[in-house]
Every structure is written in structure tokens, then in C-alpha cells.
Amino acid sequence: MEIGPGLAAGGDQNVDVDDQLAEMISMRDEGKIGGIGLSAVATDTVRHALPAGIACVQNPYNLLDRRFEDLLNLCTDNGTAWVPFFPLGSAFEAFPNVTDNLVVQQVAADAGITPSQAGLAWLLSHAENTFLIPGTGSIGHLEENTAVGSIQLSSSALEALDAVGADTVSLPVEPPVWPGEAG
């Protein structure tokens, strides 16, 4: 893991990315895995790994936090699936909650959808290679999340939502210090 959140490997658990890729390529070629995915990685690592046939990249990304826009674009250009984690934010301070944003709330109200649906629909409309795996705690919430696939936001709604997180595209990507980690 190069970026948070999560626990970073230490000592002999640190394995060079090329060694990891070699093992995953071997497992894929033997039919033990179907594809190679990367998670919580920097853009340069993905660029380096693409020749191995990367099927999917999972990194933090949402309407309010688009620091990995360059990585999303790299994945889009190379036909690699993009799976944003924390698609609606999280309780971690570094990942604000999308549904708390006033523009998201207004777009949702105008469209007759929930703020969660507005944030997820924006993700799906923002990049065609996006696959969502939002969490859920109930059947109703699951149904709400599933309905997002049929929501088409208006061009004015998309424009308003695009503007909300535009300033985060150029923010530097620095691993945050997570609770319980040394600073």
C-alpha cells in the first residue's frame, strides 16, 4: 500500500512491486486468478505495472476528493477498470462526506433522488470505466444504490457537481496519517 487508509506492511512484509507482479502474472497464467488488480497505489506504480495487464485499480476517489484524477485518466486511456473506494466519503477526516455538501443536496432535491444517489451517479457519469461497490446496511439502501445505474443527471446538474470538487484535482497526493499510526 502506497497511500492510505490502511495498515502499511513493514519489515519482511515489504515486497517489491515487480516481485508481486511476477507472482500475480504467474497465478493468472496458471488460471488461479482471473486478473490482476491494484489498490491504494500511486499513478507511477500503475503506469509501471500496466504492461502486466492490470484489470482494475481501486483508489480513494469521489466527487469531493479527486486527487487521483490523473490515475483515473490513465486507467480510462488504458481500458482499466476504476473502482473508487470511499465513493461517498468516510468518517476519516481526509475523506469528507459527499452527502453533507450543499450543492450535492440541492442537485439531489432538484432531481428527486437522494444525495447518495447524486454522488454515485456523478461517479458513473464522470468516467465510463467506473465500477461502484458502495457499502450498504439494508435492503432498502441496496435498492437505492442499485437504482443509481439508471439515473441520468442533467447537464446543469453535472456542471454544478463537476465544479464542487474541481479544486481537489490538483492537490498533492500525500499519504495521510490515520488514527493509530505514528505521525
N, C-alpha and C. Protein backbone atom coordinates (compact mmCIF):
# COMPACT_ATOMS: atom_id res chain seq x y z
N MET A 1 0.84 -1.17 0.00
CA MET A 1 0.00 0.00 0.00
C MET A 1 0.89 1.24 0.00
N GLU A 2 0.62 2.11 -0.94
CA GLU A 2 1.39 3.34 -1.03
C GLU A 2 0.64 4.54 -0.48
N ILE A 3 -0.67 4.45 -0.48
CA ILE A 3 -1.49 5.54 0.03
C ILE A 3 -2.50 4.97 1.01
N GLY A 4 -2.97 5.79 1.93
CA GLY A 4 -3.92 5.32 2.92
C GLY A 4 -5.33 5.27 2.40
N PRO A 5 -6.24 4.83 3.19
CA PRO A 5 -6.04 4.42 4.57
C PRO A 5 -5.70 2.94 4.65
N GLY A 6 -5.25 2.54 5.78
CA GLY A 6 -4.95 1.14 5.98
C GLY A 6 -3.64 0.97 6.70
N LEU A 7 -3.28 -0.25 6.87
CA LEU A 7 -2.04 -0.57 7.53
C LEU A 7 -0.96 -0.81 6.49
N ALA A 8 0.17 -0.22 6.68
CA ALA A 8 1.29 -0.41 5.77
C ALA A 8 2.12 -1.60 6.22
N ALA A 9 2.55 -2.37 5.26
CA ALA A 9 3.41 -3.51 5.57
C ALA A 9 4.75 -3.00 6.09
N GLY A 10 5.37 -3.81 6.91
CA GLY A 10 6.68 -3.44 7.43
C GLY A 10 7.63 -4.62 7.38
N GLY A 11 8.90 -4.31 7.48
CA GLY A 11 9.92 -5.35 7.55
C GLY A 11 9.90 -6.27 6.35
N ASP A 12 9.91 -7.59 6.61
CA ASP A 12 9.98 -8.57 5.53
C ASP A 12 8.63 -8.71 4.81
N GLN A 13 7.61 -7.99 5.27
CA GLN A 13 6.32 -7.98 4.56
C GLN A 13 6.36 -7.05 3.35
N ASN A 14 7.35 -6.17 3.29
CA ASN A 14 7.50 -5.28 2.14
C ASN A 14 8.07 -6.09 0.98
N VAL A 15 7.31 -6.16 -0.10
CA VAL A 15 7.73 -6.91 -1.28
C VAL A 15 7.73 -5.97 -2.47
N ASP A 16 8.79 -5.95 -3.22
CA ASP A 16 8.93 -5.09 -4.39
C ASP A 16 7.77 -5.32 -5.35
N VAL A 17 7.28 -4.25 -5.95
CA VAL A 17 6.13 -4.35 -6.85
C VAL A 17 6.41 -5.29 -8.02
N ASP A 18 7.62 -5.30 -8.53
CA ASP A 18 7.93 -6.20 -9.64
C ASP A 18 7.84 -7.67 -9.22
N ASP A 19 8.26 -7.97 -7.98
CA ASP A 19 8.13 -9.34 -7.48
C ASP A 19 6.65 -9.71 -7.29
N GLN A 20 5.86 -8.76 -6.80
CA GLN A 20 4.42 -9.01 -6.65
C GLN A 20 3.78 -9.26 -8.01
N LEU A 21 4.11 -8.43 -8.98
CA LEU A 21 3.53 -8.58 -10.32
C LEU A 21 3.93 -9.91 -10.95
N ALA A 22 5.19 -10.30 -10.78
CA ALA A 22 5.65 -11.57 -11.34
C ALA A 22 4.83 -12.73 -10.78
N GLU A 23 4.57 -12.69 -9.48
CA GLU A 23 3.78 -13.76 -8.86
C GLU A 23 2.34 -13.74 -9.36
N MET A 24 1.76 -12.54 -9.46
CA MET A 24 0.37 -12.45 -9.94
C MET A 24 0.25 -12.86 -11.41
N ILE A 25 1.23 -12.51 -12.22
CA ILE A 25 1.23 -12.93 -13.62
C ILE A 25 1.27 -14.45 -13.70
N SER A 26 2.13 -15.05 -12.89
CA SER A 26 2.23 -16.50 -12.85
C SER A 26 0.90 -17.14 -12.45
N MET A 27 0.27 -16.60 -11.40
CA MET A 27 -1.02 -17.14 -10.96
C MET A 27 -2.10 -16.95 -12.03
N ARG A 28 -2.09 -15.81 -12.71
CA ARG A 28 -3.06 -15.58 -13.77
C ARG A 28 -2.84 -16.56 -14.92
N ASP A 29 -1.57 -16.74 -15.29
CA ASP A 29 -1.26 -17.64 -16.40
C ASP A 29 -1.60 -19.10 -16.07
N GLU A 30 -1.54 -19.46 -14.79
CA GLU A 30 -1.90 -20.81 -14.35
C GLU A 30 -3.41 -20.97 -14.15
N GLY A 31 -4.16 -19.89 -14.33
CA GLY A 31 -5.61 -19.94 -14.15
C GLY A 31 -6.07 -19.85 -12.71
N LYS A 32 -5.17 -19.51 -11.81
CA LYS A 32 -5.53 -19.42 -10.40
C LYS A 32 -6.26 -18.12 -10.07
N ILE A 33 -6.01 -17.08 -10.85
CA ILE A 33 -6.74 -15.82 -10.72
C ILE A 33 -7.15 -15.37 -12.11
N GLY A 34 -8.20 -14.58 -12.17
CA GLY A 34 -8.69 -14.13 -13.47
C GLY A 34 -8.05 -12.85 -13.96
N GLY A 35 -7.59 -12.02 -13.06
CA GLY A 35 -7.00 -10.75 -13.45
C GLY A 35 -6.19 -10.18 -12.31
N ILE A 36 -5.43 -9.16 -12.64
CA ILE A 36 -4.57 -8.51 -11.66
C ILE A 36 -5.15 -7.14 -11.34
N GLY A 37 -5.36 -6.89 -10.06
CA GLY A 37 -5.86 -5.61 -9.60
C GLY A 37 -4.88 -4.98 -8.62
N LEU A 38 -4.90 -3.68 -8.60
CA LEU A 38 -4.06 -2.93 -7.67
C LEU A 38 -4.94 -2.03 -6.82
N SER A 39 -4.55 -1.81 -5.58
CA SER A 39 -5.33 -0.97 -4.69
C SER A 39 -4.41 -0.09 -3.87
N ALA A 40 -4.86 1.14 -3.64
CA ALA A 40 -4.14 2.09 -2.80
C ALA A 40 -2.73 2.32 -3.33
N VAL A 41 -2.64 2.65 -4.61
CA VAL A 41 -1.35 2.83 -5.27
C VAL A 41 -1.24 4.19 -5.93
N ALA A 42 0.00 4.60 -6.16
CA ALA A 42 0.28 5.86 -6.83
C ALA A 42 0.21 5.68 -8.35
N THR A 43 0.01 6.77 -9.04
CA THR A 43 -0.10 6.75 -10.50
C THR A 43 1.13 6.14 -11.15
N ASP A 44 2.32 6.49 -10.68
CA ASP A 44 3.55 5.95 -11.27
C ASP A 44 3.63 4.43 -11.14
N THR A 45 3.13 3.90 -10.04
CA THR A 45 3.13 2.44 -9.86
C THR A 45 2.22 1.78 -10.89
N VAL A 46 1.04 2.36 -11.11
CA VAL A 46 0.13 1.79 -12.11
C VAL A 46 0.74 1.89 -13.50
N ARG A 47 1.32 3.03 -13.81
CA ARG A 47 1.97 3.21 -15.12
C ARG A 47 3.05 2.14 -15.32
N HIS A 48 3.81 1.87 -14.29
CA HIS A 48 4.87 0.86 -14.33
C HIS A 48 4.28 -0.55 -14.51
N ALA A 49 3.13 -0.79 -13.87
CA ALA A 49 2.54 -2.13 -13.86
C ALA A 49 1.65 -2.43 -15.07
N LEU A 50 1.24 -1.44 -15.81
CA LEU A 50 0.30 -1.65 -16.92
C LEU A 50 0.73 -2.75 -17.90
N PRO A 51 2.02 -2.88 -18.24
CA PRO A 51 2.40 -3.95 -19.16
C PRO A 51 2.06 -5.36 -18.65
N ALA A 52 1.83 -5.50 -17.35
CA ALA A 52 1.47 -6.80 -16.78
C ALA A 52 0.00 -7.14 -17.06
N GLY A 53 -0.75 -6.18 -17.60
CA GLY A 53 -2.16 -6.43 -17.89
C GLY A 53 -3.04 -6.17 -16.68
N ILE A 54 -2.98 -4.98 -16.14
CA ILE A 54 -3.76 -4.63 -14.97
C ILE A 54 -5.23 -4.51 -15.36
N ALA A 55 -6.09 -5.26 -14.67
CA ALA A 55 -7.52 -5.28 -14.98
C ALA A 55 -8.28 -4.20 -14.22
N CYS A 56 -7.80 -3.83 -13.04
CA CYS A 56 -8.57 -2.96 -12.17
C CYS A 56 -7.67 -2.20 -11.21
N VAL A 57 -8.03 -0.96 -10.93
CA VAL A 57 -7.35 -0.16 -9.91
C VAL A 57 -8.40 0.38 -8.97
N GLN A 58 -8.14 0.24 -7.67
CA GLN A 58 -9.06 0.73 -6.65
C GLN A 58 -8.32 1.73 -5.78
N ASN A 59 -8.78 2.97 -5.80
CA ASN A 59 -8.17 4.04 -5.01
C ASN A 59 -9.26 4.94 -4.45
N PRO A 60 -8.92 5.72 -3.43
CA PRO A 60 -9.93 6.65 -2.92
C PRO A 60 -10.25 7.69 -3.98
N TYR A 61 -11.54 7.95 -4.17
CA TYR A 61 -11.95 8.92 -5.18
C TYR A 61 -13.44 9.16 -5.02
N ASN A 62 -13.83 10.41 -5.05
CA ASN A 62 -15.24 10.77 -5.06
C ASN A 62 -15.39 12.20 -5.53
N LEU A 63 -16.60 12.66 -5.56
CA LEU A 63 -16.93 13.99 -6.04
C LEU A 63 -16.11 15.07 -5.33
N LEU A 64 -15.88 14.92 -4.04
CA LEU A 64 -15.18 15.93 -3.26
C LEU A 64 -13.68 15.71 -3.17
N ASP A 65 -13.21 14.56 -3.54
CA ASP A 65 -11.77 14.25 -3.45
C ASP A 65 -11.32 13.62 -4.76
N ARG A 66 -10.79 14.46 -5.64
CA ARG A 66 -10.39 13.99 -6.96
C ARG A 66 -8.87 14.07 -7.16
N ARG A 67 -8.14 13.85 -6.07
CA ARG A 67 -6.68 13.90 -6.17
C ARG A 67 -6.13 12.85 -7.12
N PHE A 68 -6.88 11.81 -7.40
CA PHE A 68 -6.41 10.74 -8.27
C PHE A 68 -7.01 10.83 -9.67
N GLU A 69 -7.39 12.03 -10.07
CA GLU A 69 -7.95 12.24 -11.41
C GLU A 69 -6.96 11.80 -12.49
N ASP A 70 -5.66 12.07 -12.28
CA ASP A 70 -4.66 11.64 -13.26
C ASP A 70 -4.61 10.12 -13.38
N LEU A 71 -4.77 9.43 -12.27
CA LEU A 71 -4.78 7.96 -12.28
C LEU A 71 -6.06 7.45 -12.94
N LEU A 72 -7.18 8.07 -12.65
CA LEU A 72 -8.43 7.71 -13.32
C LEU A 72 -8.28 7.87 -14.83
N ASN A 73 -7.68 8.98 -15.27
CA ASN A 73 -7.48 9.20 -16.70
C ASN A 73 -6.55 8.16 -17.31
N LEU A 74 -5.49 7.79 -16.59
CA LEU A 74 -4.59 6.75 -17.06
C LEU A 74 -5.34 5.44 -17.23
N CYS A 75 -6.16 5.09 -16.25
CA CYS A 75 -6.96 3.86 -16.33
C CYS A 75 -7.93 3.92 -17.49
N THR A 76 -8.60 5.04 -17.66
CA THR A 76 -9.55 5.20 -18.77
C THR A 76 -8.84 5.02 -20.10
N ASP A 77 -7.69 5.67 -20.25
CA ASP A 77 -6.94 5.60 -21.51
C ASP A 77 -6.45 4.19 -21.82
N ASN A 78 -6.28 3.37 -20.78
CA ASN A 78 -5.75 2.02 -20.98
C ASN A 78 -6.79 0.92 -20.82
N GLY A 79 -8.05 1.29 -20.75
CA GLY A 79 -9.12 0.29 -20.64
C GLY A 79 -9.11 -0.48 -19.33
N THR A 80 -8.61 0.14 -18.29
CA THR A 80 -8.51 -0.48 -16.97
C THR A 80 -9.70 -0.05 -16.13
N ALA A 81 -10.35 -0.99 -15.48
CA ALA A 81 -11.49 -0.65 -14.62
C ALA A 81 -11.03 0.21 -13.45
N TRP A 82 -11.90 1.14 -13.06
CA TRP A 82 -11.65 2.06 -11.95
C TRP A 82 -12.71 1.81 -10.89
N VAL A 83 -12.27 1.46 -9.68
CA VAL A 83 -13.19 1.21 -8.58
C VAL A 83 -12.84 2.18 -7.45
N PRO A 84 -13.61 3.26 -7.34
CA PRO A 84 -13.32 4.23 -6.27
C PRO A 84 -13.74 3.68 -4.91
N PHE A 85 -12.80 3.73 -3.94
CA PHE A 85 -13.26 3.41 -2.60
C PHE A 85 -13.50 4.72 -1.87
N PHE A 86 -14.37 4.66 -0.89
CA PHE A 86 -14.95 5.84 -0.25
C PHE A 86 -15.66 6.68 -1.31
N PRO A 87 -16.53 6.06 -2.12
CA PRO A 87 -17.20 6.81 -3.20
C PRO A 87 -18.11 7.92 -2.68
N LEU A 88 -18.46 7.86 -1.41
CA LEU A 88 -19.28 8.91 -0.81
C LEU A 88 -18.58 9.56 0.37
N GLY A 89 -17.27 9.33 0.50
CA GLY A 89 -16.52 9.85 1.63
C GLY A 89 -16.48 8.84 2.74
N SER A 90 -16.03 9.26 3.90
CA SER A 90 -15.96 8.35 5.04
C SER A 90 -15.86 9.15 6.32
N ALA A 91 -15.77 8.46 7.42
CA ALA A 91 -15.62 9.11 8.71
C ALA A 91 -14.21 9.65 8.91
N PHE A 92 -13.25 9.20 8.08
CA PHE A 92 -11.90 9.74 8.16
C PHE A 92 -11.93 11.20 7.74
N GLU A 93 -11.25 12.04 8.48
CA GLU A 93 -11.23 13.47 8.20
C GLU A 93 -10.73 13.77 6.78
N ALA A 94 -9.82 12.97 6.29
CA ALA A 94 -9.24 13.19 4.96
C ALA A 94 -10.25 12.94 3.84
N PHE A 95 -11.39 12.32 4.15
CA PHE A 95 -12.39 11.98 3.14
C PHE A 95 -13.75 12.53 3.56
N PRO A 96 -14.03 13.80 3.24
CA PRO A 96 -15.30 14.39 3.66
C PRO A 96 -16.49 13.66 3.05
N ASN A 97 -17.60 13.74 3.73
CA ASN A 97 -18.82 13.05 3.32
C ASN A 97 -19.51 13.82 2.19
N VAL A 98 -19.64 13.19 1.04
CA VAL A 98 -20.24 13.80 -0.14
C VAL A 98 -21.67 14.26 0.15
N THR A 99 -22.41 13.47 0.90
CA THR A 99 -23.82 13.79 1.12
C THR A 99 -24.03 15.00 2.02
N ASP A 100 -22.99 15.47 2.68
CA ASP A 100 -23.09 16.67 3.51
C ASP A 100 -22.93 17.95 2.69
N ASN A 101 -22.50 17.83 1.44
CA ASN A 101 -22.26 19.00 0.61
C ASN A 101 -23.57 19.62 0.15
N LEU A 102 -23.69 20.94 0.30
CA LEU A 102 -24.94 21.63 -0.03
C LEU A 102 -25.29 21.56 -1.52
N VAL A 103 -24.31 21.61 -2.39
CA VAL A 103 -24.58 21.51 -3.83
C VAL A 103 -25.11 20.12 -4.15
N VAL A 104 -24.51 19.10 -3.58
CA VAL A 104 -24.98 17.72 -3.79
C VAL A 104 -26.42 17.60 -3.30
N GLN A 105 -26.70 18.15 -2.14
CA GLN A 105 -28.06 18.08 -1.59
C GLN A 105 -29.06 18.79 -2.50
N GLN A 106 -28.66 19.94 -3.05
CA GLN A 106 -29.58 20.69 -3.92
C GLN A 106 -29.80 19.96 -5.24
N VAL A 107 -28.73 19.43 -5.84
CA VAL A 107 -28.86 18.67 -7.08
C VAL A 107 -29.78 17.47 -6.85
N ALA A 108 -29.59 16.79 -5.73
CA ALA A 108 -30.42 15.64 -5.41
C ALA A 108 -31.88 16.03 -5.26
N ALA A 109 -32.14 17.10 -4.53
CA ALA A 109 -33.52 17.55 -4.34
C ALA A 109 -34.17 17.91 -5.68
N ASP A 110 -33.42 18.62 -6.52
CA ASP A 110 -33.94 19.02 -7.83
C ASP A 110 -34.24 17.81 -8.72
N ALA A 111 -33.44 16.75 -8.58
CA ALA A 111 -33.61 15.56 -9.42
C ALA A 111 -34.55 14.53 -8.79
N GLY A 112 -34.97 14.76 -7.56
CA GLY A 112 -35.85 13.80 -6.89
C GLY A 112 -35.15 12.51 -6.49
N ILE A 113 -33.87 12.63 -6.15
CA ILE A 113 -33.07 11.48 -5.73
C ILE A 113 -32.40 11.80 -4.40
N THR A 114 -31.74 10.84 -3.81
CA THR A 114 -31.04 11.09 -2.55
C THR A 114 -29.66 11.68 -2.83
N PRO A 115 -29.07 12.37 -1.87
CA PRO A 115 -27.70 12.86 -2.04
C PRO A 115 -26.71 11.74 -2.35
N SER A 116 -26.90 10.57 -1.74
CA SER A 116 -26.02 9.43 -2.04
C SER A 116 -26.13 9.05 -3.51
N GLN A 117 -27.36 9.00 -4.01
CA GLN A 117 -27.55 8.67 -5.42
C GLN A 117 -26.92 9.72 -6.32
N ALA A 118 -27.01 10.98 -5.94
CA ALA A 118 -26.40 12.05 -6.75
C ALA A 118 -24.88 11.86 -6.81
N GLY A 119 -24.25 11.57 -5.67
CA GLY A 119 -22.80 11.37 -5.64
C GLY A 119 -22.37 10.16 -6.44
N LEU A 120 -23.12 9.07 -6.34
CA LEU A 120 -22.78 7.85 -7.08
C LEU A 120 -23.06 8.02 -8.57
N ALA A 121 -24.17 8.68 -8.91
CA ALA A 121 -24.49 8.91 -10.32
C ALA A 121 -23.44 9.79 -10.98
N TRP A 122 -22.92 10.77 -10.23
CA TRP A 122 -21.85 11.60 -10.77
C TRP A 122 -20.63 10.74 -11.10
N LEU A 123 -20.26 9.83 -10.20
CA LEU A 123 -19.11 8.96 -10.45
C LEU A 123 -19.30 8.16 -11.74
N LEU A 124 -20.48 7.57 -11.90
CA LEU A 124 -20.74 6.76 -13.10
C LEU A 124 -20.72 7.59 -14.37
N SER A 125 -21.17 8.83 -14.29
CA SER A 125 -21.19 9.68 -15.48
C SER A 125 -19.83 10.30 -15.75
N HIS A 126 -19.00 10.37 -14.75
CA HIS A 126 -17.69 11.03 -14.88
C HIS A 126 -16.69 10.19 -15.68
N ALA A 127 -16.77 8.87 -15.56
CA ALA A 127 -15.83 8.01 -16.28
C ALA A 127 -16.52 6.69 -16.60
N GLU A 128 -16.47 6.30 -17.85
CA GLU A 128 -17.17 5.09 -18.30
C GLU A 128 -16.59 3.79 -17.76
N ASN A 129 -15.37 3.83 -17.25
CA ASN A 129 -14.73 2.63 -16.73
C ASN A 129 -14.91 2.46 -15.22
N THR A 130 -15.83 3.23 -14.64
CA THR A 130 -16.07 3.19 -13.20
C THR A 130 -17.01 2.05 -12.82
N PHE A 131 -16.60 1.30 -11.81
CA PHE A 131 -17.43 0.25 -11.22
C PHE A 131 -17.59 0.59 -9.75
N LEU A 132 -18.82 0.65 -9.28
CA LEU A 132 -19.08 1.05 -7.91
C LEU A 132 -19.32 -0.15 -7.01
N ILE A 133 -18.79 -0.07 -5.80
CA ILE A 133 -19.08 -1.06 -4.77
C ILE A 133 -19.38 -0.32 -3.46
N PRO A 134 -20.46 0.50 -3.47
CA PRO A 134 -20.78 1.23 -2.24
C PRO A 134 -21.28 0.29 -1.17
N GLY A 135 -20.99 0.61 0.04
CA GLY A 135 -21.45 -0.21 1.16
C GLY A 135 -22.93 -0.02 1.40
N THR A 136 -23.50 -0.94 2.11
CA THR A 136 -24.92 -0.85 2.45
C THR A 136 -25.19 -1.60 3.74
N GLY A 137 -26.22 -1.16 4.42
CA GLY A 137 -26.58 -1.83 5.66
C GLY A 137 -28.00 -2.35 5.67
N SER A 138 -28.70 -2.20 4.54
CA SER A 138 -30.09 -2.66 4.50
C SER A 138 -30.51 -2.94 3.06
N ILE A 139 -31.59 -3.69 2.90
CA ILE A 139 -32.12 -3.98 1.58
C ILE A 139 -32.55 -2.67 0.89
N GLY A 140 -33.19 -1.79 1.63
CA GLY A 140 -33.61 -0.51 1.07
C GLY A 140 -32.45 0.30 0.53
N HIS A 141 -31.37 0.32 1.29
CA HIS A 141 -30.17 1.04 0.85
C HIS A 141 -29.56 0.36 -0.37
N LEU A 142 -29.56 -0.95 -0.40
CA LEU A 142 -29.06 -1.69 -1.55
C LEU A 142 -29.89 -1.34 -2.79
N GLU A 143 -31.20 -1.31 -2.65
CA GLU A 143 -32.07 -0.95 -3.77
C GLU A 143 -31.81 0.47 -4.25
N GLU A 144 -31.59 1.38 -3.30
CA GLU A 144 -31.27 2.77 -3.63
C GLU A 144 -29.96 2.84 -4.42
N ASN A 145 -28.96 2.10 -3.96
CA ASN A 145 -27.67 2.08 -4.66
C ASN A 145 -27.79 1.47 -6.05
N THR A 146 -28.55 0.40 -6.17
CA THR A 146 -28.72 -0.28 -7.45
C THR A 146 -29.42 0.61 -8.46
N ALA A 147 -30.35 1.43 -7.99
CA ALA A 147 -31.10 2.33 -8.87
C ALA A 147 -30.21 3.39 -9.52
N VAL A 148 -29.05 3.62 -8.96
CA VAL A 148 -28.14 4.65 -9.49
C VAL A 148 -27.78 4.38 -10.95
N GLY A 149 -27.70 3.12 -11.33
CA GLY A 149 -27.34 2.78 -12.70
C GLY A 149 -28.30 3.32 -13.74
N SER A 150 -29.52 3.64 -13.34
CA SER A 150 -30.49 4.16 -14.30
C SER A 150 -30.71 5.67 -14.17
N ILE A 151 -29.98 6.31 -13.28
CA ILE A 151 -30.12 7.76 -13.09
C ILE A 151 -29.25 8.51 -14.09
N GLN A 152 -29.87 9.40 -14.82
CA GLN A 152 -29.16 10.27 -15.76
C GLN A 152 -29.27 11.70 -15.25
N LEU A 153 -28.17 12.23 -14.76
CA LEU A 153 -28.18 13.61 -14.28
C LEU A 153 -28.20 14.57 -15.46
N SER A 154 -28.87 15.69 -15.29
CA SER A 154 -28.93 16.70 -16.35
C SER A 154 -27.56 17.33 -16.54
N SER A 155 -27.38 17.98 -17.67
CA SER A 155 -26.09 18.63 -17.93
C SER A 155 -25.83 19.73 -16.92
N SER A 156 -26.88 20.45 -16.50
CA SER A 156 -26.67 21.50 -15.50
C SER A 156 -26.32 20.90 -14.13
N ALA A 157 -26.91 19.76 -13.79
CA ALA A 157 -26.57 19.08 -12.54
C ALA A 157 -25.12 18.61 -12.58
N LEU A 158 -24.72 18.01 -13.70
CA LEU A 158 -23.33 17.55 -13.83
C LEU A 158 -22.36 18.72 -13.75
N GLU A 159 -22.70 19.82 -14.38
CA GLU A 159 -21.84 21.00 -14.34
C GLU A 159 -21.68 21.51 -12.91
N ALA A 160 -22.78 21.56 -12.17
CA ALA A 160 -22.73 22.01 -10.77
C ALA A 160 -21.88 21.06 -9.93
N LEU A 161 -22.07 19.76 -10.13
CA LEU A 161 -21.30 18.78 -9.36
C LEU A 161 -19.84 18.77 -9.77
N ASP A 162 -19.56 18.92 -11.05
CA ASP A 162 -18.16 18.99 -11.51
C ASP A 162 -17.42 20.12 -10.81
N ALA A 163 -18.09 21.24 -10.62
CA ALA A 163 -17.46 22.40 -10.00
C ALA A 163 -17.17 22.20 -8.52
N VAL A 164 -17.94 21.35 -7.87
CA VAL A 164 -17.79 21.17 -6.42
C VAL A 164 -16.40 20.71 -6.03
N GLY A 165 -15.89 19.69 -6.68
CA GLY A 165 -14.60 19.14 -6.28
C GLY A 165 -13.46 19.48 -7.21
N ALA A 166 -13.69 20.40 -8.13
CA ALA A 166 -12.67 20.70 -9.13
C ALA A 166 -11.36 21.15 -8.52
N ASP A 167 -11.41 21.83 -7.38
CA ASP A 167 -10.18 22.32 -6.76
C ASP A 167 -9.34 21.20 -6.15
N THR A 168 -9.88 19.99 -6.02
CA THR A 168 -9.11 18.90 -5.44
C THR A 168 -8.31 18.13 -6.48
N VAL A 169 -8.54 18.39 -7.76
CA VAL A 169 -7.85 17.65 -8.82
C VAL A 169 -6.34 17.89 -8.75
N SER A 170 -5.94 19.10 -8.42
CA SER A 170 -4.52 19.42 -8.44
C SER A 170 -3.85 19.37 -7.07
N LEU A 171 -4.56 18.89 -6.06
CA LEU A 171 -3.94 18.77 -4.74
C LEU A 171 -2.87 17.69 -4.75
N PRO A 172 -1.79 17.90 -4.03
CA PRO A 172 -0.77 16.85 -3.96
C PRO A 172 -1.31 15.62 -3.24
N VAL A 173 -0.84 14.48 -3.66
CA VAL A 173 -1.26 13.23 -3.04
C VAL A 173 -0.22 12.85 -2.00
N GLU A 174 -0.55 13.09 -0.76
CA GLU A 174 0.35 12.74 0.34
C GLU A 174 -0.38 11.76 1.23
N PRO A 175 0.30 10.69 1.60
CA PRO A 175 -0.37 9.73 2.48
C PRO A 175 -0.75 10.40 3.79
N PRO A 176 -2.03 10.36 4.15
CA PRO A 176 -2.43 10.94 5.42
C PRO A 176 -2.01 10.06 6.58
N VAL A 177 -1.96 10.63 7.75
CA VAL A 177 -1.71 9.86 8.96
C VAL A 177 -3.05 9.43 9.48
N TRP A 178 -3.22 8.11 9.63
CA TRP A 178 -4.51 7.56 10.04
C TRP A 178 -4.52 7.33 11.53
N PRO A 179 -5.71 7.33 12.13
CA PRO A 179 -5.78 7.09 13.57
C PRO A 179 -5.04 5.82 13.96
N GLY A 180 -4.24 5.94 15.00
CA GLY A 180 -3.49 4.77 15.47
C GLY A 180 -2.11 4.63 14.86
N GLU A 181 -1.82 5.45 13.82
CA GLU A 181 -0.49 5.39 13.20
C GLU A 181 0.38 6.48 13.78
N ALA A 182 1.67 6.25 13.81
CA ALA A 182 2.60 7.25 14.27
C ALA A 182 2.68 8.38 13.28
N GLY A 183 2.81 9.60 13.75
CA GLY A 183 2.83 10.77 12.86
C GLY A 183 4.17 11.15 12.39
